[in-house]
Amino acid sequence: MYTIVEFCNANMQKGTHDVYAQLDGNPGIDVVDYECTNNCGLCSKSYFVLVDGEIVAAKNSEQLLEKTYKRIDKNNQALDE
């Protein structure tokens, strides 16, 4: 099963584009960007993505990438059980 990671275009302009590029290179992850994900309050305060519909947020892009991979691993483990 593929993991879907969704990005807000406005948040990508703030600095999550590197995370997008790194995840997009992973064949097991579908990366999608939207003009807006209607998370404006969160978008104005931090970096974030949606991993299979669940919000993952961080203070910088490095933490966001790490937290995103952790969430993906957690979701995959739950599917294996």
C-alpha atoms as a PDB file:
ATOM      1  CA  MET A   1       0.000   0.000   0.000  1.00  0.00           C
ATOM      2  CA  TYR A   2       1.206   3.453  -0.855  1.00  0.00           C
ATOM      3  CA  THR A   3       1.419   6.216   1.685  1.00  0.00           C
ATOM      4  CA  ILE A   4      -0.055   9.552   0.628  1.00  0.00           C
ATOM      5  CA  VAL A   5       1.703  12.693   1.834  1.00  0.00           C
ATOM      6  CA  GLU A   6      -0.116  15.937   1.095  1.00  0.00           C
ATOM      7  CA  PHE A   7       1.478  19.365   1.039  1.00  0.00           C
ATOM      8  CA  CYS A   8      -0.026  22.837   1.148  1.00  0.00           C
ATOM      9  CA  ASN A   9       1.476  24.982  -1.613  1.00  0.00           C
ATOM     10  CA  ALA A  10       1.632  28.023   0.669  1.00  0.00           C
ATOM     11  CA  ASN A  11       3.506  25.995   3.296  1.00  0.00           C
ATOM     12  CA  MET A  12       5.898  24.691   0.647  1.00  0.00           C
ATOM     13  CA  GLN A  13       6.787  28.292  -0.196  1.00  0.00           C
ATOM     14  CA  LYS A  14       7.708  28.772   3.471  1.00  0.00           C
ATOM     15  CA  GLY A  15      10.273  25.985   3.393  1.00  0.00           C
ATOM     16  CA  THR A  16       8.809  22.501   3.050  1.00  0.00           C
ATOM     17  CA  HIS A  17       9.758  22.192  -0.613  1.00  0.00           C
ATOM     18  CA  ASP A  18      12.937  20.265   0.329  1.00  0.00           C
ATOM     19  CA  VAL A  19      10.821  17.745   2.248  1.00  0.00           C
ATOM     20  CA  TYR A  20       8.546  17.438  -0.775  1.00  0.00           C
ATOM     21  CA  ALA A  21      11.521  16.771  -3.071  1.00  0.00           C
ATOM     22  CA  GLN A  22      12.981  14.110  -0.776  1.00  0.00           C
ATOM     23  CA  LEU A  23       9.688  12.276  -0.293  1.00  0.00           C
ATOM     24  CA  ASP A  24       8.835  12.506  -3.981  1.00  0.00           C
ATOM     25  CA  GLY A  25      11.917  10.423  -4.737  1.00  0.00           C
ATOM     26  CA  ASN A  26      10.583   7.526  -2.652  1.00  0.00           C
ATOM     27  CA  PRO A  27       8.674   5.019  -4.805  1.00  0.00           C
ATOM     28  CA  GLY A  28       6.486   3.889  -1.873  1.00  0.00           C
ATOM     29  CA  ILE A  29       5.127   7.365  -1.226  1.00  0.00           C
ATOM     30  CA  ASP A  30       2.618   9.320  -3.308  1.00  0.00           C
ATOM     31  CA  VAL A  31       3.351  13.013  -2.845  1.00  0.00           C
ATOM     32  CA  VAL A  32       0.609  15.510  -3.667  1.00  0.00           C
ATOM     33  CA  ASP A  33       0.546  19.282  -3.383  1.00  0.00           C
ATOM     34  CA  TYR A  34      -2.582  21.381  -3.130  1.00  0.00           C
ATOM     35  CA  GLU A  35      -3.094  25.104  -3.454  1.00  0.00           C
ATOM     36  CA  CYS A  36      -4.518  25.035   0.079  1.00  0.00           C
ATOM     37  CA  THR A  37      -5.363  22.306   2.594  1.00  0.00           C
ATOM     38  CA  ASN A  38      -7.539  24.600   4.760  1.00  0.00           C
ATOM     39  CA  ASN A  39      -5.115  24.428   7.690  1.00  0.00           C
ATOM     40  CA  CYS A  40      -4.293  28.138   7.585  1.00  0.00           C
ATOM     41  CA  GLY A  41      -3.773  28.567  11.337  1.00  0.00           C
ATOM     42  CA  LEU A  42      -1.264  25.737  11.411  1.00  0.00           C
ATOM     43  CA  CYS A  43       0.292  26.828   8.125  1.00  0.00           C
ATOM     44  CA  SER A  44       1.038  30.284   9.515  1.00  0.00           C
ATOM     45  CA  LYS A  45       2.805  28.847  12.599  1.00  0.00           C
ATOM     46  CA  SER A  46       4.767  25.799  11.470  1.00  0.00           C
ATOM     47  CA  TYR A  47       5.748  23.402   8.747  1.00  0.00           C
ATOM     48  CA  PHE A  48       3.272  20.585   8.200  1.00  0.00           C
ATOM     49  CA  VAL A  49       2.114  17.783   5.936  1.00  0.00           C
ATOM     50  CA  LEU A  50      -0.785  15.361   5.947  1.00  0.00           C
ATOM     51  CA  VAL A  51       0.281  11.712   6.101  1.00  0.00           C
ATOM     52  CA  ASP A  52      -2.639   9.530   5.074  1.00  0.00           C
ATOM     53  CA  GLY A  53      -4.914  12.364   6.218  1.00  0.00           C
ATOM     54  CA  GLU A  54      -3.214  12.902   9.609  1.00  0.00           C
ATOM     55  CA  ILE A  55      -1.421  16.159  10.397  1.00  0.00           C
ATOM     56  CA  VAL A  56       2.307  16.010  11.079  1.00  0.00           C
ATOM     57  CA  ALA A  57       3.828  19.359  12.120  1.00  0.00           C
ATOM     58  CA  ALA A  58       7.301  20.569  13.066  1.00  0.00           C
ATOM     59  CA  LYS A  59       9.311  23.714  13.689  1.00  0.00           C
ATOM     60  CA  ASN A  60      11.667  23.199  10.749  1.00  0.00           C
ATOM     61  CA  SER A  61      11.961  21.124   7.598  1.00  0.00           C
ATOM     62  CA  GLU A  62      14.500  18.688   9.057  1.00  0.00           C
ATOM     63  CA  GLN A  63      12.193  17.809  11.942  1.00  0.00           C
ATOM     64  CA  LEU A  64       9.255  17.585   9.566  1.00  0.00           C
ATOM     65  CA  LEU A  65      11.032  15.046   7.381  1.00  0.00           C
ATOM     66  CA  GLU A  66      11.990  12.970  10.430  1.00  0.00           C
ATOM     67  CA  LYS A  67       8.477  13.095  11.910  1.00  0.00           C
ATOM     68  CA  THR A  68       6.933  12.271   8.546  1.00  0.00           C
ATOM     69  CA  TYR A  69       9.018   9.117   8.160  1.00  0.00           C
ATOM     70  CA  LYS A  70       8.168   8.126  11.750  1.00  0.00           C
ATOM     71  CA  ARG A  71       4.444   8.543  11.056  1.00  0.00           C
ATOM     72  CA  ILE A  72       4.754   6.516   7.854  1.00  0.00           C
ATOM     73  CA  ASP A  73       6.527   3.730   9.758  1.00  0.00           C
ATOM     74  CA  LYS A  74       3.886   3.822  12.512  1.00  0.00           C
ATOM     75  CA  ASN A  75       1.038   3.639   9.987  1.00  0.00           C
ATOM     76  CA  ASN A  76       2.712   0.763   8.134  1.00  0.00           C
ATOM     77  CA  GLN A  77       3.242  -1.171  11.380  1.00  0.00           C
ATOM     78  CA  ALA A  78      -0.432  -0.732  12.254  1.00  0.00           C
ATOM     79  CA  LEU A  79      -1.374  -2.201   8.878  1.00  0.00           C
ATOM     80  CA  ASP A  80       0.874  -5.198   9.455  1.00  0.00           C
ATOM     81  CA  GLU A  81      -0.869  -6.089  12.733  1.00  0.00           C
END
